[in-house]
C-alpha cells in the first residue's frame, strides 16, 4: 500500500507549478521559449514516476521543503512587480539578443533548483534513481534556453550543422508529394504554394535540435534507474532518437505545409510556429517513456510468473 507521505511530497513538489498556473495562466504557452508550458510536462514526468511509489518520507523532510516552495512562489510573484523588467534591463550587459529565451531561462533555472533541492531533501542522493525525468527535463530546458539566449540563430555552428540536411529532405518530400514548389539552400527553404511565395529560414531550435538534446538528457536519466540489460537500454535510446528526429521532420513539414496551403501571412505563421514544435515533441516524449515503462513492467511481471511457476513445479 502506498504511503500517504508520498502524496504530500508530490503536492509540495507540484505546488509552485500549480500556483503559477492558477495565478498566471496566460504564461503557460506551449512554445518552448515563450512560456511556462514546460513546467506542466516536467510535473507530469515527476508525478508519473512518484505515484504508486512504496516509500515513506519523514514529516521533518516534508516541512523542510515548504520554505523552498514558498521562495519559488515569491520569485514568481516578484516577476510581476519589477523583477522581470530588471532581468530584461540587464540583458544587454551579457550581449543577449533573444530576450524571450533570456527571461524564461530564469524561470526554468529557478524551478530546476527548487526541484533538485527538494528531491535531494526528500530522497537524498537516491532521487536520481527515484524520479529523475522531471527535474532533468526542466534543467535541460534551462540549459537550451541559455544556449539560445547567448548563441542565437546560427552562431552555434555544431548545433546548426544538421539543419541544411533536414531542410533539403523536407523540400524533397514536398516536391515528391506535389504539395507545391520547394527548393533549399543552406538553411533557407523557398516555397511556392496556394498563397504565393514564402521563404522559410530554419535555425537549430526551429529544426528541433534542442528537443534531441533534451530527449537525450531525460532518456539517459530514465534508463539509468531501470534495471534492464544494457543492450535493451541502448535499443530504447536509439529508437527514441529516431522517433524524436522523425517528430522534428514532421514539425518542419507542418510549418512548410502551413505556408503552402494555409497562409503566408507572417503574423499567422509565427503564431503557428510558436507552438508547432512543443505540441508535437513533448507529448511524444511523455508517451514514449510511458510505453517503455509499460513494456518493461509487463516483461518483468511475466518473468516473475515464469519463475514462480517453475519453483512451484519443482
C-alpha atoms as a PDB file:
ATOM      1  CA  UNK A   1       0.000   0.000   0.000  1.00  0.00           C
ATOM      2  CA  UNK A   2       1.284   3.456  -0.897  1.00  0.00           C
ATOM      3  CA  UNK A   3       2.466   5.646   1.977  1.00  0.00           C
ATOM      4  CA  UNK A   4       0.413   8.866   2.176  1.00  0.00           C
ATOM      5  CA  UNK A   5       3.587  10.901   2.714  1.00  0.00           C
ATOM      6  CA  UNK A   6       4.485  10.372  -0.958  1.00  0.00           C
ATOM      7  CA  UNK A   7       1.240  12.127  -1.890  1.00  0.00           C
ATOM      8  CA  UNK A   8       2.205  15.035   0.383  1.00  0.00           C
ATOM      9  CA  UNK A   9       5.659  15.092  -1.220  1.00  0.00           C
ATOM     10  CA  UNK A  10       4.136  15.219  -4.722  1.00  0.00           C
ATOM     11  CA  UNK A  11       1.833  18.068  -3.703  1.00  0.00           C
ATOM     12  CA  UNK A  12       4.761  20.047  -2.289  1.00  0.00           C
ATOM     13  CA  UNK A  13       6.863  19.482  -5.400  1.00  0.00           C
ATOM     14  CA  UNK A  14       3.918  20.460  -7.598  1.00  0.00           C
ATOM     15  CA  UNK A  15       2.876  23.497  -5.542  1.00  0.00           C
ATOM     16  CA  UNK A  16       4.935  26.187  -7.384  1.00  0.00           C
ATOM     17  CA  UNK A  17       3.692  24.960 -10.778  1.00  0.00           C
ATOM     18  CA  UNK A  18       0.089  24.788  -9.559  1.00  0.00           C
ATOM     19  CA  UNK A  19       0.449  28.257  -8.032  1.00  0.00           C
ATOM     20  CA  UNK A  20       1.843  29.710 -11.280  1.00  0.00           C
ATOM     21  CA  UNK A  21      -0.877  28.014 -13.345  1.00  0.00           C
ATOM     22  CA  UNK A  22      -3.573  29.443 -11.055  1.00  0.00           C
ATOM     23  CA  UNK A  23      -2.128  32.943 -10.660  1.00  0.00           C
ATOM     24  CA  UNK A  24      -0.637  33.446 -14.126  1.00  0.00           C
ATOM     25  CA  UNK A  25      -2.427  31.079 -16.548  1.00  0.00           C
ATOM     26  CA  UNK A  26      -1.542  33.209 -19.571  1.00  0.00           C
ATOM     27  CA  UNK A  27       2.150  32.460 -19.016  1.00  0.00           C
ATOM     28  CA  UNK A  28       1.680  28.773 -19.842  1.00  0.00           C
ATOM     29  CA  UNK A  29       2.318  28.951 -23.557  1.00  0.00           C
ATOM     30  CA  UNK A  30       3.440  25.683 -25.143  1.00  0.00           C
ATOM     31  CA  UNK A  31       6.166  27.490 -27.088  1.00  0.00           C
ATOM     32  CA  UNK A  32       9.486  26.376 -25.654  1.00  0.00           C
ATOM     33  CA  UNK A  33      10.922  29.905 -25.304  1.00  0.00           C
ATOM     34  CA  UNK A  34       7.761  31.928 -24.743  1.00  0.00           C
ATOM     35  CA  UNK A  35       6.125  30.461 -21.665  1.00  0.00           C
ATOM     36  CA  UNK A  36       5.999  28.008 -18.783  1.00  0.00           C
ATOM     37  CA  UNK A  37       4.260  25.176 -20.635  1.00  0.00           C
ATOM     38  CA  UNK A  38       7.302  23.001 -19.988  1.00  0.00           C
ATOM     39  CA  UNK A  39       6.528  23.168 -16.250  1.00  0.00           C
ATOM     40  CA  UNK A  40       3.429  21.033 -16.858  1.00  0.00           C
ATOM     41  CA  UNK A  41       5.360  18.309 -18.653  1.00  0.00           C
ATOM     42  CA  UNK A  42       8.082  18.342 -16.005  1.00  0.00           C
ATOM     43  CA  UNK A  43       5.336  17.917 -13.418  1.00  0.00           C
ATOM     44  CA  UNK A  44       3.732  15.093 -15.427  1.00  0.00           C
ATOM     45  CA  UNK A  45       7.055  13.220 -15.618  1.00  0.00           C
ATOM     46  CA  UNK A  46       7.590  13.650 -11.885  1.00  0.00           C
ATOM     47  CA  UNK A  47       4.085  12.513 -10.895  1.00  0.00           C
ATOM     48  CA  UNK A  48       4.274   9.504 -13.233  1.00  0.00           C
ATOM     49  CA  UNK A  49       7.486   8.358 -11.518  1.00  0.00           C
ATOM     50  CA  UNK A  50       6.432   9.058  -7.924  1.00  0.00           C
ATOM     51  CA  UNK A  51       2.787   7.985  -7.865  1.00  0.00           C
ATOM     52  CA  UNK A  52       2.439   4.476  -6.533  1.00  0.00           C
ATOM     53  CA  UNK A  53       5.937   4.541  -5.047  1.00  0.00           C
ATOM     54  CA  UNK A  54       6.027   2.475  -1.869  1.00  0.00           C
ATOM     55  CA  UNK A  55       8.377   4.742   0.006  1.00  0.00           C
ATOM     56  CA  UNK A  56       7.757   6.860   3.079  1.00  0.00           C
ATOM     57  CA  UNK A  57       9.001  10.399   3.647  1.00  0.00           C
ATOM     58  CA  UNK A  58       9.514  11.791   7.141  1.00  0.00           C
ATOM     59  CA  UNK A  59       7.491  14.754   8.380  1.00  0.00           C
ATOM     60  CA  UNK A  60      10.728  16.622   9.062  1.00  0.00           C
ATOM     61  CA  UNK A  61      11.771  16.361   5.408  1.00  0.00           C
ATOM     62  CA  UNK A  62       8.340  17.452   4.195  1.00  0.00           C
ATOM     63  CA  UNK A  63       8.477  20.533   6.442  1.00  0.00           C
ATOM     64  CA  UNK A  64      11.968  21.357   5.154  1.00  0.00           C
ATOM     65  CA  UNK A  65      10.675  21.603   1.569  1.00  0.00           C
ATOM     66  CA  UNK A  66       7.927  24.123   2.433  1.00  0.00           C
ATOM     67  CA  UNK A  67      10.303  27.154   2.652  1.00  0.00           C
ATOM     68  CA  UNK A  68      11.808  26.240  -0.744  1.00  0.00           C
ATOM     69  CA  UNK A  69       8.345  26.064  -2.304  1.00  0.00           C
ATOM     70  CA  UNK A  70       7.467  29.414  -0.713  1.00  0.00           C
ATOM     71  CA  UNK A  71      10.662  31.059  -2.036  1.00  0.00           C
ATOM     72  CA  UNK A  72       9.916  29.763  -5.550  1.00  0.00           C
ATOM     73  CA  UNK A  73       6.408  31.233  -5.394  1.00  0.00           C
ATOM     74  CA  UNK A  74       7.823  34.541  -4.120  1.00  0.00           C
ATOM     75  CA  UNK A  75      10.122  34.609  -7.143  1.00  0.00           C
ATOM     76  CA  UNK A  76       7.155  34.047  -9.488  1.00  0.00           C
ATOM     77  CA  UNK A  77       5.193  36.877  -7.866  1.00  0.00           C
ATOM     78  CA  UNK A  78       8.226  39.199  -7.853  1.00  0.00           C
ATOM     79  CA  UNK A  79       8.408  38.944 -11.634  1.00  0.00           C
ATOM     80  CA  UNK A  80       5.116  40.824 -11.799  1.00  0.00           C
ATOM     81  CA  UNK A  81       6.442  43.596  -9.555  1.00  0.00           C
ATOM     82  CA  UNK A  82       9.573  44.665 -11.376  1.00  0.00           C
ATOM     83  CA  UNK A  83      11.883  41.635 -11.308  1.00  0.00           C
ATOM     84  CA  UNK A  84      11.133  40.677 -14.918  1.00  0.00           C
ATOM     85  CA  UNK A  85      11.814  44.256 -16.046  1.00  0.00           C
ATOM     86  CA  UNK A  86      15.137  44.151 -14.193  1.00  0.00           C
ATOM     87  CA  UNK A  87      16.071  40.836 -15.839  1.00  0.00           C
ATOM     88  CA  UNK A  88      15.286  42.328 -19.258  1.00  0.00           C
ATOM     89  CA  UNK A  89      17.235  45.523 -18.456  1.00  0.00           C
ATOM     90  CA  UNK A  90      20.488  43.672 -17.695  1.00  0.00           C
ATOM     91  CA  UNK A  91      20.325  41.518 -20.846  1.00  0.00           C
ATOM     92  CA  UNK A  92      22.468  43.948 -22.933  1.00  0.00           C
ATOM     93  CA  UNK A  93      25.288  43.614 -20.376  1.00  0.00           C
ATOM     94  CA  UNK A  94      25.618  39.974 -21.415  1.00  0.00           C
ATOM     95  CA  UNK A  95      25.147  40.587 -25.164  1.00  0.00           C
ATOM     96  CA  UNK A  96      21.816  38.761 -25.100  1.00  0.00           C
ATOM     97  CA  UNK A  97      19.940  39.080 -28.408  1.00  0.00           C
ATOM     98  CA  UNK A  98      16.898  36.881 -27.760  1.00  0.00           C
ATOM     99  CA  UNK A  99      15.029  38.427 -24.836  1.00  0.00           C
ATOM    100  CA  UNK A 100      12.334  35.727 -24.674  1.00  0.00           C
ATOM    101  CA  UNK A 101      14.870  32.961 -24.184  1.00  0.00           C
ATOM    102  CA  UNK A 102      16.736  35.107 -21.637  1.00  0.00           C
ATOM    103  CA  UNK A 103      13.686  35.872 -19.485  1.00  0.00           C
ATOM    104  CA  UNK A 104      12.213  32.353 -19.482  1.00  0.00           C
ATOM    105  CA  UNK A 105      15.667  30.928 -18.821  1.00  0.00           C
ATOM    106  CA  UNK A 106      15.453  32.243 -15.254  1.00  0.00           C
ATOM    107  CA  UNK A 107      12.033  30.712 -14.622  1.00  0.00           C
ATOM    108  CA  UNK A 108      13.273  27.267 -15.634  1.00  0.00           C
ATOM    109  CA  UNK A 109      16.529  27.722 -13.725  1.00  0.00           C
ATOM    110  CA  UNK A 110      14.702  28.627 -10.512  1.00  0.00           C
ATOM    111  CA  UNK A 111      12.257  25.737 -10.963  1.00  0.00           C
ATOM    112  CA  UNK A 112      15.129  23.310 -11.623  1.00  0.00           C
ATOM    113  CA  UNK A 113      16.934  24.463  -8.470  1.00  0.00           C
ATOM    114  CA  UNK A 114      13.728  24.030  -6.465  1.00  0.00           C
ATOM    115  CA  UNK A 115      13.012  20.528  -7.778  1.00  0.00           C
ATOM    116  CA  UNK A 116      16.567  19.212  -7.440  1.00  0.00           C
ATOM    117  CA  UNK A 117      16.992  20.735  -3.958  1.00  0.00           C
ATOM    118  CA  UNK A 118      13.617  19.413  -2.800  1.00  0.00           C
ATOM    119  CA  UNK A 119      14.214  15.955  -4.264  1.00  0.00           C
ATOM    120  CA  UNK A 120      17.578  15.837  -2.508  1.00  0.00           C
ATOM    121  CA  UNK A 121      15.945  16.711   0.813  1.00  0.00           C
ATOM    122  CA  UNK A 122      13.091  14.223   0.380  1.00  0.00           C
ATOM    123  CA  UNK A 123      15.003  11.270  -1.061  1.00  0.00           C
ATOM    124  CA  UNK A 124      18.704  12.028  -0.575  1.00  0.00           C
ATOM    125  CA  UNK A 125      21.189  11.110  -3.276  1.00  0.00           C
ATOM    126  CA  UNK A 126      18.820   8.370  -4.436  1.00  0.00           C
ATOM    127  CA  UNK A 127      16.483  10.911  -6.066  1.00  0.00           C
ATOM    128  CA  UNK A 128      18.336  10.425  -9.360  1.00  0.00           C
ATOM    129  CA  UNK A 129      17.201   6.777  -9.345  1.00  0.00           C
ATOM    130  CA  UNK A 130      13.719   7.503  -7.994  1.00  0.00           C
ATOM    131  CA  UNK A 131      12.392  10.395 -10.073  1.00  0.00           C
ATOM    132  CA  UNK A 132      14.972  11.977 -12.410  1.00  0.00           C
ATOM    133  CA  UNK A 133      12.911  12.743 -15.539  1.00  0.00           C
ATOM    134  CA  UNK A 134      11.041  15.854 -14.309  1.00  0.00           C
ATOM    135  CA  UNK A 135      13.960  17.779 -12.760  1.00  0.00           C
ATOM    136  CA  UNK A 136      16.317  16.880 -15.610  1.00  0.00           C
ATOM    137  CA  UNK A 137      13.724  17.920 -18.213  1.00  0.00           C
ATOM    138  CA  UNK A 138      13.343  21.323 -16.520  1.00  0.00           C
ATOM    139  CA  UNK A 139      17.123  21.747 -16.066  1.00  0.00           C
ATOM    140  CA  UNK A 140      17.721  20.654 -19.661  1.00  0.00           C
ATOM    141  CA  UNK A 141      15.215  23.210 -20.922  1.00  0.00           C
ATOM    142  CA  UNK A 142      17.007  25.906 -18.902  1.00  0.00           C
ATOM    143  CA  UNK A 143      20.327  24.868 -20.465  1.00  0.00           C
ATOM    144  CA  UNK A 144      18.917  25.004 -24.012  1.00  0.00           C
ATOM    145  CA  UNK A 145      17.334  28.410 -23.346  1.00  0.00           C
ATOM    146  CA  UNK A 146      20.721  29.678 -22.190  1.00  0.00           C
ATOM    147  CA  UNK A 147      22.332  28.455 -25.422  1.00  0.00           C
ATOM    148  CA  UNK A 148      19.592  30.155 -27.435  1.00  0.00           C
ATOM    149  CA  UNK A 149      19.990  33.385 -25.455  1.00  0.00           C
ATOM    150  CA  UNK A 150      23.780  33.603 -25.767  1.00  0.00           C
ATOM    151  CA  UNK A 151      24.250  31.866 -29.148  1.00  0.00           C
ATOM    152  CA  UNK A 152      21.148  32.782 -31.191  1.00  0.00           C
ATOM    153  CA  UNK A 153      20.236  31.791 -34.710  1.00  0.00           C
ATOM    154  CA  UNK A 154      23.174  30.041 -36.425  1.00  0.00           C
ATOM    155  CA  UNK A 155      26.041  31.313 -34.252  1.00  0.00           C
ATOM    156  CA  UNK A 156      26.407  27.916 -32.560  1.00  0.00           C
ATOM    157  CA  UNK A 157      27.825  26.010 -35.515  1.00  0.00           C
ATOM    158  CA  UNK A 158      27.740  22.397 -34.241  1.00  0.00           C
ATOM    159  CA  UNK A 159      24.014  22.560 -33.451  1.00  0.00           C
ATOM    160  CA  UNK A 160      23.272  24.243 -36.776  1.00  0.00           C
ATOM    161  CA  UNK A 161      25.279  21.669 -38.774  1.00  0.00           C
ATOM    162  CA  UNK A 162      22.436  19.185 -39.372  1.00  0.00           C
ATOM    163  CA  UNK A 163      19.819  21.815 -40.261  1.00  0.00           C
ATOM    164  CA  UNK A 164      20.585  22.110 -44.027  1.00  0.00           C
ATOM    165  CA  UNK A 165      20.154  18.336 -44.419  1.00  0.00           C
ATOM    166  CA  UNK A 166      16.760  18.438 -42.692  1.00  0.00           C
ATOM    167  CA  UNK A 167      15.692  21.396 -44.857  1.00  0.00           C
ATOM    168  CA  UNK A 168      16.758  19.665 -48.096  1.00  0.00           C
ATOM    169  CA  UNK A 169      14.955  16.466 -47.106  1.00  0.00           C
ATOM    170  CA  UNK A 170      11.786  18.428 -46.355  1.00  0.00           C
ATOM    171  CA  UNK A 171      11.948  20.243 -49.712  1.00  0.00           C
ATOM    172  CA  UNK A 172      12.348  16.871 -51.473  1.00  0.00           C
ATOM    173  CA  UNK A 173       9.274  15.449 -49.685  1.00  0.00           C
ATOM    174  CA  UNK A 174       7.146  18.469 -50.655  1.00  0.00           C
ATOM    175  CA  UNK A 175       8.122  18.137 -54.313  1.00  0.00           C
ATOM    176  CA  UNK A 176       7.573  14.371 -54.355  1.00  0.00           C
ATOM    177  CA  UNK A 177       4.099  14.744 -52.837  1.00  0.00           C
ATOM    178  CA  UNK A 178       3.371  17.609 -55.281  1.00  0.00           C
ATOM    179  CA  UNK A 179       2.190  19.910 -52.498  1.00  0.00           C
ATOM    180  CA  UNK A 180       3.837  22.919 -54.076  1.00  0.00           C
ATOM    181  CA  UNK A 181       7.238  24.008 -55.284  1.00  0.00           C
ATOM    182  CA  UNK A 182      10.116  23.835 -52.810  1.00  0.00           C
ATOM    183  CA  UNK A 183      13.853  24.376 -53.062  1.00  0.00           C
ATOM    184  CA  UNK A 184      16.546  24.619 -50.392  1.00  0.00           C
ATOM    185  CA  UNK A 185      19.819  26.479 -49.995  1.00  0.00           C
ATOM    186  CA  UNK A 186      21.729  26.007 -46.748  1.00  0.00           C
ATOM    187  CA  UNK A 187      19.153  26.624 -44.015  1.00  0.00           C
ATOM    188  CA  UNK A 188      16.695  28.538 -46.214  1.00  0.00           C
ATOM    189  CA  UNK A 189      13.718  26.908 -47.894  1.00  0.00           C
ATOM    190  CA  UNK A 190      11.908  28.675 -50.731  1.00  0.00           C
ATOM    191  CA  UNK A 191       8.255  27.701 -51.031  1.00  0.00           C
ATOM    192  CA  UNK A 192       5.535  28.493 -53.551  1.00  0.00           C
ATOM    193  CA  UNK A 193       2.031  27.244 -52.863  1.00  0.00           C
ATOM    194  CA  UNK A 194      -1.627  28.256 -52.932  1.00  0.00           C
ATOM    195  CA  UNK A 195      -0.961  31.643 -51.337  1.00  0.00           C
ATOM    196  CA  UNK A 196       2.158  32.701 -53.206  1.00  0.00           C
ATOM    197  CA  UNK A 197       5.893  32.561 -52.441  1.00  0.00           C
ATOM    198  CA  UNK A 198       7.318  32.236 -48.939  1.00  0.00           C
ATOM    199  CA  UNK A 199      10.889  31.944 -47.663  1.00  0.00           C
ATOM    200  CA  UNK A 200      11.484  29.933 -44.514  1.00  0.00           C
ATOM    201  CA  UNK A 201      14.806  30.271 -42.680  1.00  0.00           C
ATOM    202  CA  UNK A 202      15.404  27.454 -40.230  1.00  0.00           C
ATOM    203  CA  UNK A 203      17.703  27.644 -37.204  1.00  0.00           C
ATOM    204  CA  UNK A 204      18.580  24.788 -34.841  1.00  0.00           C
ATOM    205  CA  UNK A 205      15.793  25.392 -32.263  1.00  0.00           C
ATOM    206  CA  UNK A 206      13.157  25.527 -35.022  1.00  0.00           C
ATOM    207  CA  UNK A 207      14.607  22.340 -36.505  1.00  0.00           C
ATOM    208  CA  UNK A 208      14.109  20.620 -33.169  1.00  0.00           C
ATOM    209  CA  UNK A 209      17.805  20.093 -32.364  1.00  0.00           C
ATOM    210  CA  UNK A 210      17.063  21.275 -28.831  1.00  0.00           C
ATOM    211  CA  UNK A 211      14.467  18.516 -28.467  1.00  0.00           C
ATOM    212  CA  UNK A 212      17.079  15.857 -29.330  1.00  0.00           C
ATOM    213  CA  UNK A 213      19.338  17.221 -26.574  1.00  0.00           C
ATOM    214  CA  UNK A 214      16.505  17.358 -24.028  1.00  0.00           C
ATOM    215  CA  UNK A 215      15.352  13.868 -25.050  1.00  0.00           C
ATOM    216  CA  UNK A 216      18.883  12.534 -24.594  1.00  0.00           C
ATOM    217  CA  UNK A 217      19.213  14.009 -21.090  1.00  0.00           C
ATOM    218  CA  UNK A 218      15.798  12.795 -19.926  1.00  0.00           C
ATOM    219  CA  UNK A 219      16.092   9.353 -21.514  1.00  0.00           C
ATOM    220  CA  UNK A 220      19.578   8.702 -20.117  1.00  0.00           C
ATOM    221  CA  UNK A 221      18.371   9.565 -16.617  1.00  0.00           C
ATOM    222  CA  UNK A 222      15.227   7.477 -17.109  1.00  0.00           C
ATOM    223  CA  UNK A 223      17.144   4.431 -18.372  1.00  0.00           C
ATOM    224  CA  UNK A 224      19.781   4.803 -15.666  1.00  0.00           C
ATOM    225  CA  UNK A 225      17.242   3.944 -12.983  1.00  0.00           C
ATOM    226  CA  UNK A 226      15.763   0.986 -14.875  1.00  0.00           C
ATOM    227  CA  UNK A 227      17.097  -2.477 -14.086  1.00  0.00           C
ATOM    228  CA  UNK A 228      17.274  -3.805 -17.643  1.00  0.00           C
ATOM    229  CA  UNK A 229      20.155  -5.159 -19.780  1.00  0.00           C
ATOM    230  CA  UNK A 230      22.454  -2.536 -21.384  1.00  0.00           C
ATOM    231  CA  UNK A 231      21.570  -3.741 -24.890  1.00  0.00           C
ATOM    232  CA  UNK A 232      17.855  -3.072 -24.247  1.00  0.00           C
ATOM    233  CA  UNK A 233      18.702   0.362 -22.851  1.00  0.00           C
ATOM    234  CA  UNK A 234      20.711   1.157 -25.978  1.00  0.00           C
ATOM    235  CA  UNK A 235      17.884  -0.097 -28.196  1.00  0.00           C
ATOM    236  CA  UNK A 236      15.325   2.089 -26.408  1.00  0.00           C
ATOM    237  CA  UNK A 237      17.622   5.104 -26.580  1.00  0.00           C
ATOM    238  CA  UNK A 238      18.296   4.725 -30.316  1.00  0.00           C
ATOM    239  CA  UNK A 239      14.614   4.082 -31.041  1.00  0.00           C
ATOM    240  CA  UNK A 240      13.749   7.274 -29.161  1.00  0.00           C
ATOM    241  CA  UNK A 241      16.355   9.271 -31.092  1.00  0.00           C
ATOM    242  CA  UNK A 242      14.864   8.042 -34.376  1.00  0.00           C
ATOM    243  CA  UNK A 243      11.374   8.949 -33.127  1.00  0.00           C
ATOM    244  CA  UNK A 244      12.478  12.412 -31.976  1.00  0.00           C
ATOM    245  CA  UNK A 245      14.159  13.165 -35.315  1.00  0.00           C
ATOM    246  CA  UNK A 246      11.012  11.958 -37.090  1.00  0.00           C
ATOM    247  CA  UNK A 247       8.890  14.302 -34.956  1.00  0.00           C
ATOM    248  CA  UNK A 248      11.249  17.151 -35.864  1.00  0.00           C
ATOM    249  CA  UNK A 249      10.869  16.347 -39.558  1.00  0.00           C
ATOM    250  CA  UNK A 250       7.088  16.363 -39.141  1.00  0.00           C
ATOM    251  CA  UNK A 251       7.409  19.747 -37.453  1.00  0.00           C
ATOM    252  CA  UNK A 252       9.368  21.298 -40.341  1.00  0.00           C
ATOM    253  CA  UNK A 253       6.956  19.679 -42.802  1.00  0.00           C
ATOM    254  CA  UNK A 254       3.937  21.091 -40.924  1.00  0.00           C
ATOM    255  CA  UNK A 255       5.458  24.586 -40.973  1.00  0.00           C
ATOM    256  CA  UNK A 256       6.016  24.279 -44.708  1.00  0.00           C
ATOM    257  CA  UNK A 257       2.504  22.940 -45.262  1.00  0.00           C
ATOM    258  CA  UNK A 258       1.065  25.907 -43.342  1.00  0.00           C
ATOM    259  CA  UNK A 259       2.834  28.337 -45.679  1.00  0.00           C
ATOM    260  CA  UNK A 260       1.897  26.307 -48.762  1.00  0.00           C
ATOM    261  CA  UNK A 261      -1.768  25.637 -48.022  1.00  0.00           C
ATOM    262  CA  UNK A 262      -2.998  27.852 -45.177  1.00  0.00           C
ATOM    263  CA  UNK A 263      -1.386  31.285 -45.138  1.00  0.00           C
ATOM    264  CA  UNK A 264       1.768  33.226 -45.951  1.00  0.00           C
ATOM    265  CA  UNK A 265       0.830  35.973 -43.507  1.00  0.00           C
ATOM    266  CA  UNK A 266       3.898  36.390 -41.287  1.00  0.00           C
ATOM    267  CA  UNK A 267       1.921  37.024 -38.077  1.00  0.00           C
ATOM    268  CA  UNK A 268      -0.264  33.942 -38.596  1.00  0.00           C
ATOM    269  CA  UNK A 269       2.760  31.831 -39.491  1.00  0.00           C
ATOM    270  CA  UNK A 270       4.659  32.944 -36.363  1.00  0.00           C
ATOM    271  CA  UNK A 271       1.655  32.115 -34.201  1.00  0.00           C
ATOM    272  CA  UNK A 272       1.596  28.576 -35.583  1.00  0.00           C
ATOM    273  CA  UNK A 273       5.396  28.306 -35.466  1.00  0.00           C
ATOM    274  CA  UNK A 274       5.476  29.198 -31.759  1.00  0.00           C
ATOM    275  CA  UNK A 275       3.576  26.048 -30.743  1.00  0.00           C
ATOM    276  CA  UNK A 276       4.156  23.604 -33.612  1.00  0.00           C
ATOM    277  CA  UNK A 277       7.289  22.067 -32.130  1.00  0.00           C
ATOM    278  CA  UNK A 278       6.468  21.572 -28.471  1.00  0.00           C
ATOM    279  CA  UNK A 279       2.902  20.423 -29.135  1.00  0.00           C
ATOM    280  CA  UNK A 280       4.467  17.506 -31.034  1.00  0.00           C
ATOM    281  CA  UNK A 281       7.699  16.797 -29.153  1.00  0.00           C
ATOM    282  CA  UNK A 282       6.531  16.934 -25.531  1.00  0.00           C
ATOM    283  CA  UNK A 283       3.573  14.518 -25.928  1.00  0.00           C
ATOM    284  CA  UNK A 284       5.837  12.213 -27.968  1.00  0.00           C
ATOM    285  CA  UNK A 285       8.465  12.155 -25.202  1.00  0.00           C
ATOM    286  CA  UNK A 286       5.868  11.539 -22.484  1.00  0.00           C
ATOM    287  CA  UNK A 287       4.132   8.759 -24.437  1.00  0.00           C
ATOM    288  CA  UNK A 288       7.441   7.103 -25.353  1.00  0.00           C
ATOM    289  CA  UNK A 289       8.533   6.984 -21.703  1.00  0.00           C
ATOM    290  CA  UNK A 290       5.150   5.531 -20.723  1.00  0.00           C
ATOM    291  CA  UNK A 291       5.400   2.865 -23.433  1.00  0.00           C
ATOM    292  CA  UNK A 292       8.911   1.875 -22.309  1.00  0.00           C
ATOM    293  CA  UNK A 293       7.714   1.691 -18.701  1.00  0.00           C
ATOM    294  CA  UNK A 294       4.680  -0.393 -19.671  1.00  0.00           C
ATOM    295  CA  UNK A 295       6.688  -2.827 -21.809  1.00  0.00           C
ATOM    296  CA  UNK A 296       9.367  -3.339 -19.178  1.00  0.00           C
ATOM    297  CA  UNK A 297       6.849  -3.672 -16.327  1.00  0.00           C
ATOM    298  CA  UNK A 298       4.914  -6.285 -18.306  1.00  0.00           C
ATOM    299  CA  UNK A 299       8.150  -8.079 -19.157  1.00  0.00           C
ATOM    300  CA  UNK A 300       9.251  -8.209 -15.500  1.00  0.00           C
ATOM    301  CA  UNK A 301       5.829  -9.467 -14.358  1.00  0.00           C
ATOM    302  CA  UNK A 302       5.913 -12.216 -16.988  1.00  0.00           C
ATOM    303  CA  UNK A 303       9.408 -13.195 -15.940  1.00  0.00           C
ATOM    304  CA  UNK A 304       8.326 -13.381 -12.286  1.00  0.00           C
ATOM    305  CA  UNK A 305       5.312 -15.506 -13.196  1.00  0.00           C
ATOM    306  CA  UNK A 306       7.527 -17.940 -15.128  1.00  0.00           C
ATOM    307  CA  UNK A 307       9.960 -18.130 -12.217  1.00  0.00           C
ATOM    308  CA  UNK A 308       7.136 -18.689  -9.731  1.00  0.00           C
ATOM    309  CA  UNK A 309       5.585 -21.404 -11.918  1.00  0.00           C
ATOM    310  CA  UNK A 310       8.952 -23.119 -12.275  1.00  0.00           C
ATOM    311  CA  UNK A 311       9.502 -23.079  -8.495  1.00  0.00           C
ATOM    312  CA  UNK A 312       6.006 -24.495  -7.945  1.00  0.00           C
ATOM    313  CA  UNK A 313       6.597 -27.365 -10.382  1.00  0.00           C
ATOM    314  CA  UNK A 314       9.778 -28.270  -8.590  1.00  0.00           C
END
